Amino acid sequence: MSLEERPEGQKSAEELYEEGAFLLFKQQFEEALKYLNQALEKDPKFVKALHARAAIYLRLERFEEAEADLLAALEIEPQNARLHFRLGQVYYRQKELEKALKCFNKAIDLEPLYAAAFMARSQVYRDLGEEELADIDLDKAVAIQKATAQAKKIVDF
């Protein structure tokens, strides 16, 4: 019996996560949630599944559930910049700008070349009326993206 033919109950948490992630990519959120929930039933500390489910909850504006998943994931991987970034997005969408700023700062501290975090922090600064800080972060994000593109050209020649 092939992997695809195995019933969900026989699939590993990783296999269920991969199916959920694929459905997330296809923006089939409710269907993706089913697989991610099953993955997390098998392994409640599966950070990638918690993160993917939080991303869906964020898209569906189920902010409390997104926050809960991200906080649970951060208990397991406190040094994961992407989790801090996603939590910042949750807070930003709820207009909790100070909490969002704290999360984006942490993401940047952990990953100093995280262009998306600089972009997000720039937006928070702009919303707080800190135009100069917003412009500085926007410039940093652009510089990081240019440097990354340049390096990719060199590597890919």
C-alpha atoms as a PDB file:
ATOM      1  CA  MET A   1       0.000   0.000   0.000  1.00  0.00           C
ATOM      2  CA  SER A   2       1.476   3.372  -0.983  1.00  0.00           C
ATOM      3  CA  LEU A   3       1.865   6.270   1.425  1.00  0.00           C
ATOM      4  CA  GLU A   4      -1.043   8.154  -0.169  1.00  0.00           C
ATOM      5  CA  GLU A   5      -3.361   5.161   0.221  1.00  0.00           C
ATOM      6  CA  ARG A   6      -2.720   4.743   3.952  1.00  0.00           C
ATOM      7  CA  PRO A   7      -5.599   5.910   6.161  1.00  0.00           C
ATOM      8  CA  GLU A   8      -4.954   9.112   8.127  1.00  0.00           C
ATOM      9  CA  GLY A   9      -4.797   7.141  11.390  1.00  0.00           C
ATOM     10  CA  GLN A  10      -1.723   5.265  10.129  1.00  0.00           C
ATOM     11  CA  LYS A  11       0.130   8.345   8.910  1.00  0.00           C
ATOM     12  CA  SER A  12       2.833   9.985  10.999  1.00  0.00           C
ATOM     13  CA  ALA A  13       2.549  13.497  12.369  1.00  0.00           C
ATOM     14  CA  GLU A  14       5.109  14.591   9.745  1.00  0.00           C
ATOM     15  CA  GLU A  15       3.070  13.087   6.880  1.00  0.00           C
ATOM     16  CA  LEU A  16      -0.134  14.720   8.155  1.00  0.00           C
ATOM     17  CA  TYR A  17       1.722  18.041   8.519  1.00  0.00           C
ATOM     18  CA  GLU A  18       3.022  17.821   4.939  1.00  0.00           C
ATOM     19  CA  GLU A  19      -0.491  17.252   3.608  1.00  0.00           C
ATOM     20  CA  GLY A  20      -1.776  20.158   5.681  1.00  0.00           C
ATOM     21  CA  ALA A  21       1.063  22.413   4.537  1.00  0.00           C
ATOM     22  CA  PHE A  22       0.343  21.559   0.901  1.00  0.00           C
ATOM     23  CA  LEU A  23      -3.339  22.432   1.379  1.00  0.00           C
ATOM     24  CA  LEU A  24      -2.308  25.656   3.138  1.00  0.00           C
ATOM     25  CA  PHE A  25      -0.161  26.522   0.120  1.00  0.00           C
ATOM     26  CA  LYS A  26      -3.234  25.919  -2.063  1.00  0.00           C
ATOM     27  CA  GLN A  27      -5.216  28.191   0.319  1.00  0.00           C
ATOM     28  CA  GLN A  28      -7.612  25.387   1.245  1.00  0.00           C
ATOM     29  CA  PHE A  29      -7.595  26.485   4.855  1.00  0.00           C
ATOM     30  CA  GLU A  30     -10.398  24.441   6.401  1.00  0.00           C
ATOM     31  CA  GLU A  31      -9.120  21.227   4.813  1.00  0.00           C
ATOM     32  CA  ALA A  32      -5.552  22.055   5.857  1.00  0.00           C
ATOM     33  CA  LEU A  33      -6.711  22.568   9.441  1.00  0.00           C
ATOM     34  CA  LYS A  34      -8.045  19.000   9.550  1.00  0.00           C
ATOM     35  CA  TYR A  35      -4.629  17.560   8.711  1.00  0.00           C
ATOM     36  CA  LEU A  36      -2.743  19.915  11.012  1.00  0.00           C
ATOM     37  CA  ASN A  37      -5.100  19.128  13.887  1.00  0.00           C
ATOM     38  CA  GLN A  38      -4.495  15.410  13.316  1.00  0.00           C
ATOM     39  CA  ALA A  39      -0.733  15.976  13.222  1.00  0.00           C
ATOM     40  CA  LEU A  40      -0.939  17.844  16.520  1.00  0.00           C
ATOM     41  CA  GLU A  41      -3.076  15.107  18.078  1.00  0.00           C
ATOM     42  CA  LYS A  42      -0.194  12.717  17.349  1.00  0.00           C
ATOM     43  CA  ASP A  43       2.500  15.181  18.443  1.00  0.00           C
ATOM     44  CA  PRO A  44       1.246  18.229  20.414  1.00  0.00           C
ATOM     45  CA  LYS A  45       4.754  19.765  20.419  1.00  0.00           C
ATOM     46  CA  PHE A  46       5.210  19.661  16.631  1.00  0.00           C
ATOM     47  CA  VAL A  47       6.379  23.250  16.091  1.00  0.00           C
ATOM     48  CA  LYS A  48       6.025  23.292  12.285  1.00  0.00           C
ATOM     49  CA  ALA A  49       2.400  22.156  12.598  1.00  0.00           C
ATOM     50  CA  LEU A  50       1.673  24.732  15.321  1.00  0.00           C
ATOM     51  CA  HIS A  51       3.208  27.445  13.137  1.00  0.00           C
ATOM     52  CA  ALA A  52       1.270  26.392  10.030  1.00  0.00           C
ATOM     53  CA  ARG A  53      -1.990  26.211  11.973  1.00  0.00           C
ATOM     54  CA  ALA A  54      -1.322  29.657  13.455  1.00  0.00           C
ATOM     55  CA  ALA A  55      -0.790  31.008   9.927  1.00  0.00           C
ATOM     56  CA  ILE A  56      -4.209  29.669   8.947  1.00  0.00           C
ATOM     57  CA  TYR A  57      -5.843  31.071  12.064  1.00  0.00           C
ATOM     58  CA  LEU A  58      -4.271  34.442  11.248  1.00  0.00           C
ATOM     59  CA  ARG A  59      -5.678  34.323   7.699  1.00  0.00           C
ATOM     60  CA  LEU A  60      -9.110  33.413   9.117  1.00  0.00           C
ATOM     61  CA  GLU A  61      -8.818  36.223  11.700  1.00  0.00           C
ATOM     62  CA  ARG A  62      -9.000  33.723  14.559  1.00  0.00           C
ATOM     63  CA  PHE A  63      -6.402  35.731  16.444  1.00  0.00           C
ATOM     64  CA  GLU A  64      -6.699  34.147  19.906  1.00  0.00           C
ATOM     65  CA  GLU A  65      -6.141  30.672  18.467  1.00  0.00           C
ATOM     66  CA  ALA A  66      -3.189  31.905  16.395  1.00  0.00           C
ATOM     67  CA  GLU A  67      -1.653  33.523  19.457  1.00  0.00           C
ATOM     68  CA  ALA A  68      -2.144  30.360  21.541  1.00  0.00           C
ATOM     69  CA  ASP A  69      -0.428  28.165  18.934  1.00  0.00           C
ATOM     70  CA  LEU A  70       2.477  30.565  18.557  1.00  0.00           C
ATOM     71  CA  LEU A  71       2.991  30.928  22.295  1.00  0.00           C
ATOM     72  CA  ALA A  72       2.968  27.122  22.603  1.00  0.00           C
ATOM     73  CA  ALA A  73       5.520  26.859  19.783  1.00  0.00           C
ATOM     74  CA  LEU A  74       7.706  29.533  21.395  1.00  0.00           C
ATOM     75  CA  GLU A  75       7.741  27.527  24.640  1.00  0.00           C
ATOM     76  CA  ILE A  76       9.458  24.786  22.635  1.00  0.00           C
ATOM     77  CA  GLU A  77      11.601  26.953  20.322  1.00  0.00           C
ATOM     78  CA  PRO A  78      12.097  30.355  21.987  1.00  0.00           C
ATOM     79  CA  GLN A  79      14.925  31.264  19.589  1.00  0.00           C
ATOM     80  CA  ASN A  80      12.813  30.800  16.431  1.00  0.00           C
ATOM     81  CA  ALA A  81      12.715  34.211  14.725  1.00  0.00           C
ATOM     82  CA  ARG A  82       9.872  33.196  12.401  1.00  0.00           C
ATOM     83  CA  LEU A  83       7.600  32.393  15.333  1.00  0.00           C
ATOM     84  CA  HIS A  84       8.270  35.810  16.875  1.00  0.00           C
ATOM     85  CA  PHE A  85       7.595  37.426  13.495  1.00  0.00           C
ATOM     86  CA  ARG A  86       4.282  35.588  13.054  1.00  0.00           C
ATOM     87  CA  LEU A  87       3.219  36.483  16.606  1.00  0.00           C
ATOM     88  CA  GLY A  88       4.019  40.102  15.774  1.00  0.00           C
ATOM     89  CA  GLN A  89       1.700  39.823  12.772  1.00  0.00           C
ATOM     90  CA  VAL A  90      -1.082  38.529  15.028  1.00  0.00           C
ATOM     91  CA  TYR A  91      -0.651  41.468  17.404  1.00  0.00           C
ATOM     92  CA  TYR A  92      -0.383  43.947  14.547  1.00  0.00           C
ATOM     93  CA  ARG A  93      -3.654  42.737  13.029  1.00  0.00           C
ATOM     94  CA  GLN A  94      -5.276  43.306  16.437  1.00  0.00           C
ATOM     95  CA  LYS A  95      -3.812  46.837  16.587  1.00  0.00           C
ATOM     96  CA  GLU A  96      -1.663  45.877  19.593  1.00  0.00           C
ATOM     97  CA  LEU A  97       1.248  47.880  18.233  1.00  0.00           C
ATOM     98  CA  GLU A  98       3.544  47.770  21.267  1.00  0.00           C
ATOM     99  CA  LYS A  99       3.277  43.967  21.493  1.00  0.00           C
ATOM    100  CA  ALA A 100       3.814  43.693  17.728  1.00  0.00           C
ATOM    101  CA  LEU A 101       6.887  45.941  17.947  1.00  0.00           C
ATOM    102  CA  LYS A 102       8.347  43.789  20.724  1.00  0.00           C
ATOM    103  CA  CYS A 103       7.894  40.633  18.615  1.00  0.00           C
ATOM    104  CA  PHE A 104       9.409  42.159  15.475  1.00  0.00           C
ATOM    105  CA  ASN A 105      12.353  43.442  17.546  1.00  0.00           C
ATOM    106  CA  LYS A 106      12.919  39.939  18.912  1.00  0.00           C
ATOM    107  CA  ALA A 107      12.743  38.433  15.408  1.00  0.00           C
ATOM    108  CA  ILE A 108      15.365  40.934  14.197  1.00  0.00           C
ATOM    109  CA  ASP A 109      17.569  40.327  17.262  1.00  0.00           C
ATOM    110  CA  LEU A 110      17.503  36.601  16.492  1.00  0.00           C
ATOM    111  CA  GLU A 111      17.898  36.993  12.731  1.00  0.00           C
ATOM    112  CA  PRO A 112      19.531  40.359  11.878  1.00  0.00           C
ATOM    113  CA  LEU A 113      19.035  39.933   8.111  1.00  0.00           C
ATOM    114  CA  TYR A 114      15.278  39.216   8.338  1.00  0.00           C
ATOM    115  CA  ALA A 115      13.982  41.662   5.718  1.00  0.00           C
ATOM    116  CA  ALA A 116      10.296  40.890   6.316  1.00  0.00           C
ATOM    117  CA  ALA A 117      10.693  41.687  10.011  1.00  0.00           C
ATOM    118  CA  PHE A 118      12.262  45.066   9.165  1.00  0.00           C
ATOM    119  CA  MET A 119       9.373  45.752   6.766  1.00  0.00           C
ATOM    120  CA  ALA A 120       6.805  44.846   9.426  1.00  0.00           C
ATOM    121  CA  ARG A 121       8.569  46.893  12.099  1.00  0.00           C
ATOM    122  CA  SER A 122       8.699  49.810   9.683  1.00  0.00           C
ATOM    123  CA  GLN A 123       4.915  49.664   9.362  1.00  0.00           C
ATOM    124  CA  VAL A 124       4.466  49.595  13.140  1.00  0.00           C
ATOM    125  CA  TYR A 125       6.748  52.615  13.494  1.00  0.00           C
ATOM    126  CA  ARG A 126       4.755  54.419  10.801  1.00  0.00           C
ATOM    127  CA  ASP A 127       1.498  53.647  12.612  1.00  0.00           C
ATOM    128  CA  LEU A 128       3.043  55.000  15.827  1.00  0.00           C
ATOM    129  CA  GLY A 129       3.985  58.236  14.036  1.00  0.00           C
ATOM    130  CA  GLU A 130       7.713  57.448  14.070  1.00  0.00           C
ATOM    131  CA  GLU A 131       8.338  58.289  10.401  1.00  0.00           C
ATOM    132  CA  GLU A 132      12.115  58.534  10.690  1.00  0.00           C
ATOM    133  CA  LEU A 133      12.435  55.106  12.333  1.00  0.00           C
ATOM    134  CA  ALA A 134      10.000  53.696   9.775  1.00  0.00           C
ATOM    135  CA  ASP A 135      12.131  55.010   6.902  1.00  0.00           C
ATOM    136  CA  ILE A 136      15.335  53.621   8.432  1.00  0.00           C
ATOM    137  CA  ASP A 137      13.810  50.149   8.732  1.00  0.00           C
ATOM    138  CA  LEU A 138      12.390  50.306   5.234  1.00  0.00           C
ATOM    139  CA  ASP A 139      15.846  51.204   3.901  1.00  0.00           C
ATOM    140  CA  LYS A 140      17.351  48.284   5.863  1.00  0.00           C
ATOM    141  CA  ALA A 141      14.785  45.866   4.414  1.00  0.00           C
ATOM    142  CA  VAL A 142      15.516  47.034   0.881  1.00  0.00           C
ATOM    143  CA  ALA A 143      19.281  46.819   1.437  1.00  0.00           C
ATOM    144  CA  ILE A 144      18.957  43.271   2.791  1.00  0.00           C
ATOM    145  CA  GLN A 145      16.816  42.234  -0.166  1.00  0.00           C
ATOM    146  CA  LYS A 146      19.298  43.771  -2.628  1.00  0.00           C
ATOM    147  CA  ALA A 147      22.248  42.045  -0.945  1.00  0.00           C
ATOM    148  CA  THR A 148      20.386  38.745  -0.950  1.00  0.00           C
ATOM    149  CA  ALA A 149      19.509  39.106  -4.639  1.00  0.00           C
ATOM    150  CA  GLN A 150      23.133  40.025  -5.431  1.00  0.00           C
ATOM    151  CA  ALA A 151      24.433  36.984  -3.554  1.00  0.00           C
ATOM    152  CA  LYS A 152      21.933  34.772  -5.336  1.00  0.00           C
ATOM    153  CA  LYS A 153      23.169  36.064  -8.717  1.00  0.00           C
ATOM    154  CA  ILE A 154      26.752  35.240  -7.756  1.00  0.00           C
ATOM    155  CA  VAL A 155      25.829  31.753  -6.540  1.00  0.00           C
ATOM    156  CA  ASP A 156      23.503  30.997  -9.470  1.00  0.00           C
ATOM    157  CA  PHE A 157      25.604  32.760 -12.145  1.00  0.00           C
END
